[in-house]
Amino acid sequence: MDNLNYSVNDIGTSKLKLDNINIKELSERLDIGQETLKDIIKELKKPGRDPREDMPKPMLRKNVLSIDDLEEGMIMQGTVRNIVDFGAFVDIGVHQDGLVHISQLVADRFVKHPLDIVSVGDIVDVKVLDVDTKRNRINLSMIL
């Protein structure tokens, strides 16, 4: 590509042909490595792609569809949706995320912050400790 005067908007409007870019010239102009530039171009060719699509899905129970179906002691799989200082919220498929308190993440050591144990998107096994249907709260444990 002879003219390197284009903007990021050109990419979205397909004015820029990603296949016609002179990798060597552009990498020198942008002061980045050629391999890095190739990786960027490869990802730009996949607009709207959600990397979470490649992640494994939890095995949700078909007989548990609402908070009313939960019972203490049930072992379930869920996906970590949010992490806060006091624990992690896990989606177990009942339209209300359950909380795994920081004290219930692991049994054998002190946890300074939940991010030391889990990350958003992790598939985890949890045990139902308590269900409060009046307040719409689910207490979970990763200590099985």
N, C-alpha and C. Protein backbone atom coordinates (compact mmCIF):
# COMPACT_ATOMS: atom_id res chain seq x y z
N MET A 1 0.86 -1.17 0.00
CA MET A 1 0.00 0.00 0.00
C MET A 1 0.89 1.22 0.00
N ASP A 2 0.73 2.07 -0.95
CA ASP A 2 1.60 3.23 -1.11
C ASP A 2 1.32 4.32 -0.10
N ASN A 3 0.07 4.59 0.15
CA ASN A 3 -0.31 5.69 1.02
C ASN A 3 -0.57 5.16 2.42
N LEU A 4 0.23 5.60 3.38
CA LEU A 4 0.04 5.14 4.76
C LEU A 4 -0.74 6.15 5.58
N ASN A 5 -1.42 7.08 4.94
CA ASN A 5 -2.21 8.08 5.63
C ASN A 5 -3.65 7.60 5.75
N TYR A 6 -3.92 6.82 6.78
CA TYR A 6 -5.26 6.33 7.01
C TYR A 6 -5.50 6.32 8.51
N SER A 7 -6.75 6.21 8.86
CA SER A 7 -7.10 6.25 10.29
C SER A 7 -7.72 4.92 10.70
N VAL A 8 -7.92 4.80 12.00
CA VAL A 8 -8.57 3.60 12.53
C VAL A 8 -9.98 3.47 11.96
N ASN A 9 -10.65 4.60 11.73
CA ASN A 9 -12.00 4.57 11.16
C ASN A 9 -12.02 3.93 9.78
N ASP A 10 -10.94 4.10 9.04
CA ASP A 10 -10.87 3.49 7.71
C ASP A 10 -10.98 1.97 7.79
N ILE A 11 -10.46 1.39 8.86
CA ILE A 11 -10.52 -0.07 9.02
C ILE A 11 -11.97 -0.51 9.17
N GLY A 12 -12.71 0.19 10.02
CA GLY A 12 -14.10 -0.16 10.25
C GLY A 12 -14.99 0.05 9.04
N THR A 13 -14.64 0.99 8.18
CA THR A 13 -15.47 1.27 7.01
C THR A 13 -14.97 0.56 5.76
N SER A 14 -14.03 -0.33 5.93
CA SER A 14 -13.44 -1.16 4.88
C SER A 14 -12.80 -0.34 3.76
N LYS A 15 -12.44 0.93 4.03
CA LYS A 15 -11.69 1.70 3.05
C LYS A 15 -10.27 1.16 2.94
N LEU A 16 -9.83 0.55 4.00
CA LEU A 16 -8.47 0.03 4.05
C LEU A 16 -8.52 -1.47 3.78
N LYS A 17 -7.76 -1.93 2.83
CA LYS A 17 -7.69 -3.35 2.53
C LYS A 17 -6.55 -3.93 3.36
N LEU A 18 -6.88 -4.72 4.36
CA LEU A 18 -5.87 -5.25 5.27
C LEU A 18 -4.91 -6.19 4.56
N ASP A 19 -5.32 -6.78 3.47
CA ASP A 19 -4.44 -7.70 2.76
C ASP A 19 -3.39 -6.97 1.93
N ASN A 20 -3.58 -5.70 1.66
CA ASN A 20 -2.68 -4.94 0.79
C ASN A 20 -1.67 -4.10 1.55
N ILE A 21 -1.54 -4.31 2.83
CA ILE A 21 -0.63 -3.50 3.64
C ILE A 21 0.81 -4.00 3.46
N ASN A 22 1.73 -3.06 3.30
CA ASN A 22 3.15 -3.38 3.26
C ASN A 22 3.62 -3.50 4.71
N ILE A 23 3.72 -4.73 5.19
CA ILE A 23 4.03 -5.00 6.60
C ILE A 23 5.35 -4.37 7.02
N LYS A 24 6.36 -4.54 6.23
CA LYS A 24 7.69 -4.02 6.59
C LYS A 24 7.67 -2.50 6.74
N GLU A 25 7.11 -1.82 5.74
CA GLU A 25 7.07 -0.36 5.75
C GLU A 25 6.23 0.17 6.91
N LEU A 26 5.04 -0.43 7.13
CA LEU A 26 4.16 0.03 8.20
C LEU A 26 4.75 -0.24 9.58
N SER A 27 5.39 -1.40 9.76
CA SER A 27 5.98 -1.70 11.06
C SER A 27 7.11 -0.73 11.40
N GLU A 28 7.88 -0.33 10.37
CA GLU A 28 8.93 0.66 10.61
C GLU A 28 8.33 2.01 10.96
N ARG A 29 7.28 2.39 10.25
CA ARG A 29 6.64 3.68 10.50
C ARG A 29 6.02 3.74 11.89
N LEU A 30 5.41 2.64 12.32
CA LEU A 30 4.75 2.59 13.63
C LEU A 30 5.71 2.22 14.75
N ASP A 31 6.93 1.83 14.37
CA ASP A 31 7.95 1.43 15.33
C ASP A 31 7.49 0.24 16.18
N ILE A 32 6.94 -0.76 15.49
CA ILE A 32 6.58 -2.03 16.14
C ILE A 32 7.13 -3.17 15.30
N GLY A 33 7.24 -4.32 15.90
CA GLY A 33 7.76 -5.49 15.18
C GLY A 33 6.79 -5.98 14.12
N GLN A 34 7.34 -6.60 13.10
CA GLN A 34 6.51 -7.11 12.01
C GLN A 34 5.55 -8.19 12.49
N GLU A 35 6.03 -9.06 13.38
CA GLU A 35 5.17 -10.14 13.89
C GLU A 35 4.01 -9.58 14.70
N THR A 36 4.29 -8.54 15.49
CA THR A 36 3.23 -7.89 16.26
C THR A 36 2.19 -7.29 15.32
N LEU A 37 2.65 -6.60 14.28
CA LEU A 37 1.74 -6.01 13.31
C LEU A 37 0.91 -7.09 12.62
N LYS A 38 1.52 -8.20 12.27
CA LYS A 38 0.77 -9.30 11.64
C LYS A 38 -0.32 -9.82 12.57
N ASP A 39 0.00 -9.93 13.87
CA ASP A 39 -1.01 -10.38 14.85
C ASP A 39 -2.16 -9.39 14.94
N ILE A 40 -1.84 -8.10 14.94
CA ILE A 40 -2.88 -7.07 15.02
C ILE A 40 -3.80 -7.14 13.81
N ILE A 41 -3.20 -7.27 12.63
CA ILE A 41 -3.99 -7.34 11.39
C ILE A 41 -4.87 -8.59 11.39
N LYS A 42 -4.31 -9.70 11.85
CA LYS A 42 -5.08 -10.95 11.92
C LYS A 42 -6.33 -10.78 12.80
N GLU A 43 -6.19 -10.09 13.93
CA GLU A 43 -7.32 -9.88 14.83
C GLU A 43 -8.31 -8.87 14.25
N LEU A 44 -7.83 -7.86 13.53
CA LEU A 44 -8.72 -6.88 12.92
C LEU A 44 -9.59 -7.48 11.83
N LYS A 45 -9.16 -8.59 11.26
CA LYS A 45 -9.93 -9.25 10.21
C LYS A 45 -11.12 -10.01 10.79
N LYS A 46 -11.21 -10.10 12.13
CA LYS A 46 -12.30 -10.82 12.78
C LYS A 46 -13.13 -9.86 13.63
N PRO A 47 -13.79 -8.87 13.03
CA PRO A 47 -14.54 -7.91 13.84
C PRO A 47 -15.72 -8.56 14.55
N GLY A 48 -15.98 -8.09 15.76
CA GLY A 48 -17.13 -8.58 16.50
C GLY A 48 -16.94 -9.94 17.13
N ARG A 49 -15.79 -10.53 16.99
CA ARG A 49 -15.54 -11.85 17.56
C ARG A 49 -15.39 -11.71 19.06
N ASP A 50 -16.06 -12.56 19.81
CA ASP A 50 -16.00 -12.55 21.26
C ASP A 50 -15.11 -13.71 21.71
N PRO A 51 -13.96 -13.42 22.36
CA PRO A 51 -13.07 -14.52 22.76
C PRO A 51 -13.70 -15.49 23.75
N ARG A 52 -14.77 -15.09 24.43
CA ARG A 52 -15.43 -15.99 25.38
C ARG A 52 -16.12 -17.15 24.67
N GLU A 53 -16.36 -17.02 23.35
CA GLU A 53 -16.99 -18.10 22.61
C GLU A 53 -16.14 -19.37 22.62
N ASP A 54 -14.83 -19.20 22.74
CA ASP A 54 -13.92 -20.34 22.73
C ASP A 54 -13.79 -21.01 24.09
N MET A 55 -14.31 -20.38 25.13
CA MET A 55 -14.16 -20.92 26.48
C MET A 55 -15.11 -22.08 26.71
N PRO A 56 -14.72 -23.02 27.55
CA PRO A 56 -15.62 -24.13 27.85
C PRO A 56 -16.85 -23.65 28.61
N LYS A 57 -17.97 -24.29 28.37
CA LYS A 57 -19.21 -23.92 29.02
C LYS A 57 -19.42 -24.81 30.25
N PRO A 58 -20.00 -24.25 31.34
CA PRO A 58 -20.26 -25.10 32.51
C PRO A 58 -21.40 -26.07 32.22
N MET A 59 -21.38 -27.17 32.93
CA MET A 59 -22.45 -28.15 32.81
C MET A 59 -23.54 -27.77 33.81
N LEU A 60 -24.57 -27.08 33.32
CA LEU A 60 -25.66 -26.64 34.19
C LEU A 60 -26.66 -27.78 34.35
N ARG A 61 -27.27 -27.84 35.54
CA ARG A 61 -28.23 -28.90 35.81
C ARG A 61 -29.58 -28.54 35.21
N LYS A 62 -30.17 -29.50 34.53
CA LYS A 62 -31.45 -29.26 33.87
C LYS A 62 -32.61 -29.24 34.86
N ASN A 63 -32.43 -29.84 36.03
CA ASN A 63 -33.51 -29.88 37.02
C ASN A 63 -33.47 -28.68 37.97
N VAL A 64 -32.51 -27.78 37.79
CA VAL A 64 -32.40 -26.59 38.62
C VAL A 64 -32.50 -25.37 37.71
N LEU A 65 -33.69 -24.77 37.70
CA LEU A 65 -33.94 -23.65 36.80
C LEU A 65 -34.18 -22.33 37.52
N SER A 66 -34.53 -22.39 38.79
CA SER A 66 -34.77 -21.17 39.56
C SER A 66 -34.20 -21.33 40.95
N ILE A 67 -34.17 -20.23 41.67
CA ILE A 67 -33.63 -20.23 43.03
C ILE A 67 -34.43 -21.18 43.94
N ASP A 68 -35.71 -21.36 43.62
CA ASP A 68 -36.57 -22.25 44.41
C ASP A 68 -36.18 -23.72 44.27
N ASP A 69 -35.47 -24.07 43.20
CA ASP A 69 -35.06 -25.46 42.97
C ASP A 69 -33.78 -25.83 43.72
N LEU A 70 -33.10 -24.83 44.30
CA LEU A 70 -31.83 -25.09 44.99
C LEU A 70 -32.06 -25.67 46.38
N GLU A 71 -31.15 -26.54 46.78
CA GLU A 71 -31.18 -27.12 48.12
C GLU A 71 -29.77 -27.08 48.70
N GLU A 72 -29.69 -26.91 50.00
CA GLU A 72 -28.38 -26.92 50.67
C GLU A 72 -27.66 -28.23 50.37
N GLY A 73 -26.36 -28.13 50.12
CA GLY A 73 -25.56 -29.31 49.87
C GLY A 73 -25.40 -29.69 48.41
N MET A 74 -26.20 -29.10 47.54
CA MET A 74 -26.08 -29.41 46.11
C MET A 74 -24.71 -29.02 45.60
N ILE A 75 -24.12 -29.87 44.77
CA ILE A 75 -22.85 -29.56 44.11
C ILE A 75 -23.19 -29.20 42.66
N MET A 76 -22.67 -28.04 42.23
CA MET A 76 -23.00 -27.55 40.90
C MET A 76 -21.76 -26.97 40.23
N GLN A 77 -21.84 -26.77 38.93
CA GLN A 77 -20.80 -26.06 38.20
C GLN A 77 -21.34 -24.69 37.85
N GLY A 78 -20.45 -23.72 37.84
CA GLY A 78 -20.86 -22.38 37.48
C GLY A 78 -19.70 -21.60 36.89
N THR A 79 -20.00 -20.39 36.44
CA THR A 79 -19.02 -19.52 35.82
C THR A 79 -18.83 -18.28 36.69
N VAL A 80 -17.58 -17.96 37.01
CA VAL A 80 -17.29 -16.75 37.79
C VAL A 80 -17.65 -15.55 36.92
N ARG A 81 -18.56 -14.71 37.39
CA ARG A 81 -19.03 -13.55 36.63
C ARG A 81 -18.45 -12.24 37.11
N ASN A 82 -18.17 -12.15 38.42
CA ASN A 82 -17.66 -10.90 38.97
C ASN A 82 -16.83 -11.22 40.20
N ILE A 83 -15.79 -10.42 40.41
CA ILE A 83 -14.93 -10.60 41.58
C ILE A 83 -14.88 -9.28 42.33
N VAL A 84 -15.11 -9.37 43.63
CA VAL A 84 -15.07 -8.20 44.51
C VAL A 84 -14.12 -8.51 45.65
N ASP A 85 -13.81 -7.52 46.47
CA ASP A 85 -12.85 -7.72 47.56
C ASP A 85 -13.25 -8.84 48.53
N PHE A 86 -14.55 -9.05 48.71
CA PHE A 86 -15.02 -10.02 49.70
C PHE A 86 -15.40 -11.37 49.12
N GLY A 87 -15.22 -11.58 47.81
CA GLY A 87 -15.55 -12.88 47.24
C GLY A 87 -15.76 -12.83 45.74
N ALA A 88 -16.42 -13.87 45.25
CA ALA A 88 -16.67 -14.00 43.81
C ALA A 88 -18.13 -14.38 43.58
N PHE A 89 -18.73 -13.75 42.58
CA PHE A 89 -20.10 -14.08 42.21
C PHE A 89 -20.06 -15.10 41.08
N VAL A 90 -20.83 -16.18 41.26
CA VAL A 90 -20.82 -17.31 40.33
C VAL A 90 -22.21 -17.53 39.76
N ASP A 91 -22.29 -17.63 38.44
CA ASP A 91 -23.54 -17.92 37.74
C ASP A 91 -23.73 -19.43 37.71
N ILE A 92 -24.78 -19.91 38.38
CA ILE A 92 -25.05 -21.34 38.40
C ILE A 92 -26.32 -21.68 37.60
N GLY A 93 -26.80 -20.72 36.82
CA GLY A 93 -27.90 -20.98 35.91
C GLY A 93 -29.29 -20.78 36.47
N VAL A 94 -29.43 -20.00 37.55
CA VAL A 94 -30.76 -19.80 38.14
C VAL A 94 -31.19 -18.34 38.13
N HIS A 95 -30.64 -17.54 37.24
CA HIS A 95 -31.00 -16.13 37.06
C HIS A 95 -30.59 -15.26 38.24
N GLN A 96 -29.87 -15.80 39.20
CA GLN A 96 -29.34 -15.02 40.32
C GLN A 96 -27.96 -15.60 40.64
N ASP A 97 -26.93 -14.78 40.52
CA ASP A 97 -25.59 -15.26 40.84
C ASP A 97 -25.46 -15.51 42.33
N GLY A 98 -24.70 -16.54 42.67
CA GLY A 98 -24.44 -16.84 44.07
C GLY A 98 -23.09 -16.28 44.47
N LEU A 99 -22.92 -16.03 45.76
CA LEU A 99 -21.67 -15.48 46.28
C LEU A 99 -20.85 -16.56 46.95
N VAL A 100 -19.60 -16.66 46.52
CA VAL A 100 -18.62 -17.47 47.23
C VAL A 100 -17.81 -16.48 48.05
N HIS A 101 -18.03 -16.48 49.37
CA HIS A 101 -17.30 -15.55 50.24
C HIS A 101 -15.82 -15.91 50.20
N ILE A 102 -14.97 -14.91 50.41
CA ILE A 102 -13.51 -15.11 50.35
C ILE A 102 -13.05 -16.25 51.26
N SER A 103 -13.76 -16.43 52.38
CA SER A 103 -13.40 -17.50 53.33
C SER A 103 -13.78 -18.89 52.81
N GLN A 104 -14.57 -18.94 51.73
CA GLN A 104 -15.03 -20.21 51.18
C GLN A 104 -14.38 -20.56 49.84
N LEU A 105 -13.31 -19.84 49.47
CA LEU A 105 -12.63 -20.11 48.20
C LEU A 105 -11.72 -21.33 48.29
N VAL A 106 -10.93 -21.42 49.35
CA VAL A 106 -10.05 -22.57 49.58
C VAL A 106 -10.00 -22.85 51.07
N ALA A 107 -9.69 -24.10 51.42
CA ALA A 107 -9.69 -24.49 52.82
C ALA A 107 -8.33 -24.42 53.48
N ASP A 108 -7.27 -24.54 52.69
CA ASP A 108 -5.95 -24.78 53.28
C ASP A 108 -5.06 -23.56 53.43
N ARG A 109 -5.55 -22.36 53.12
CA ARG A 109 -4.69 -21.19 53.28
C ARG A 109 -5.51 -19.91 53.35
N PHE A 110 -4.87 -18.85 53.81
CA PHE A 110 -5.48 -17.53 53.88
C PHE A 110 -5.47 -16.91 52.48
N VAL A 111 -6.58 -16.32 52.09
CA VAL A 111 -6.68 -15.67 50.79
C VAL A 111 -6.73 -14.17 51.01
N LYS A 112 -5.73 -13.49 50.45
CA LYS A 112 -5.67 -12.03 50.58
C LYS A 112 -6.71 -11.35 49.69
N HIS A 113 -6.84 -11.84 48.46
CA HIS A 113 -7.82 -11.30 47.52
C HIS A 113 -8.32 -12.44 46.63
N PRO A 114 -9.61 -12.44 46.30
CA PRO A 114 -10.16 -13.52 45.45
C PRO A 114 -9.46 -13.70 44.12
N LEU A 115 -8.88 -12.62 43.56
CA LEU A 115 -8.17 -12.75 42.28
C LEU A 115 -6.95 -13.66 42.39
N ASP A 116 -6.48 -13.93 43.61
CA ASP A 116 -5.38 -14.87 43.80
C ASP A 116 -5.83 -16.31 43.53
N ILE A 117 -7.14 -16.54 43.54
CA ILE A 117 -7.68 -17.90 43.41
C ILE A 117 -8.46 -18.08 42.10
N VAL A 118 -9.32 -17.11 41.76
CA VAL A 118 -10.19 -17.25 40.59
C VAL A 118 -10.10 -16.01 39.70
N SER A 119 -10.55 -16.18 38.47
CA SER A 119 -10.63 -15.09 37.50
C SER A 119 -12.02 -15.10 36.89
N VAL A 120 -12.44 -13.95 36.37
CA VAL A 120 -13.72 -13.88 35.67
C VAL A 120 -13.67 -14.83 34.48
N GLY A 121 -14.73 -15.62 34.35
CA GLY A 121 -14.82 -16.59 33.25
C GLY A 121 -14.43 -18.00 33.66
N ASP A 122 -13.81 -18.17 34.83
CA ASP A 122 -13.44 -19.51 35.28
C ASP A 122 -14.67 -20.37 35.50
N ILE A 123 -14.58 -21.63 35.15
CA ILE A 123 -15.61 -22.61 35.46
C ILE A 123 -15.21 -23.27 36.77
N VAL A 124 -16.10 -23.20 37.77
CA VAL A 124 -15.77 -23.71 39.10
C VAL A 124 -16.87 -24.64 39.60
N ASP A 125 -16.48 -25.58 40.46
CA ASP A 125 -17.43 -26.42 41.16
C ASP A 125 -17.76 -25.75 42.49
N VAL A 126 -19.04 -25.67 42.82
CA VAL A 126 -19.47 -25.02 44.05
C VAL A 126 -20.49 -25.88 44.77
N LYS A 127 -20.57 -25.66 46.07
CA LYS A 127 -21.58 -26.32 46.90
C LYS A 127 -22.51 -25.24 47.43
N VAL A 128 -23.81 -25.50 47.40
CA VAL A 128 -24.79 -24.55 47.92
C VAL A 128 -24.78 -24.64 49.44
N LEU A 129 -24.47 -23.52 50.10
CA LEU A 129 -24.45 -23.47 51.56
C LEU A 129 -25.79 -23.02 52.12
N ASP A 130 -26.37 -22.00 51.47
CA ASP A 130 -27.60 -21.43 51.99
C ASP A 130 -28.35 -20.74 50.86
N VAL A 131 -29.68 -20.83 50.91
CA VAL A 131 -30.52 -20.16 49.92
C VAL A 131 -31.54 -19.32 50.67
N ASP A 132 -31.53 -18.03 50.42
CA ASP A 132 -32.49 -17.11 51.03
C ASP A 132 -33.39 -16.58 49.91
N THR A 133 -34.53 -17.25 49.72
CA THR A 133 -35.42 -16.88 48.62
C THR A 133 -36.09 -15.53 48.87
N LYS A 134 -36.30 -15.16 50.12
CA LYS A 134 -36.94 -13.88 50.43
C LYS A 134 -36.05 -12.71 50.00
N ARG A 135 -34.75 -12.83 50.23
CA ARG A 135 -33.80 -11.76 49.87
C ARG A 135 -33.11 -12.04 48.54
N ASN A 136 -33.46 -13.16 47.90
CA ASN A 136 -32.90 -13.54 46.60
C ASN A 136 -31.38 -13.66 46.67
N ARG A 137 -30.88 -14.38 47.69
CA ARG A 137 -29.44 -14.55 47.87
C ARG A 137 -29.07 -16.03 47.94
N ILE A 138 -27.92 -16.32 47.33
CA ILE A 138 -27.42 -17.70 47.33
C ILE A 138 -25.99 -17.66 47.85
N ASN A 139 -25.72 -18.41 48.92
CA ASN A 139 -24.37 -18.51 49.46
C ASN A 139 -23.76 -19.83 48.99
N LEU A 140 -22.55 -19.72 48.41
CA LEU A 140 -21.88 -20.87 47.84
C LEU A 140 -20.51 -21.06 48.48
N SER A 141 -19.95 -22.24 48.27
CA SER A 141 -18.59 -22.55 48.73
C SER A 141 -17.87 -23.32 47.64
N MET A 142 -16.58 -23.01 47.49
CA MET A 142 -15.74 -23.80 46.58
C MET A 142 -14.99 -24.88 47.36
N ILE A 143 -15.20 -24.92 48.67
CA ILE A 143 -14.63 -25.98 49.50
C ILE A 143 -15.65 -27.11 49.51
N LEU A 144 -15.33 -28.16 48.77
CA LEU A 144 -16.30 -29.26 48.62
C LEU A 144 -16.00 -30.30 49.62
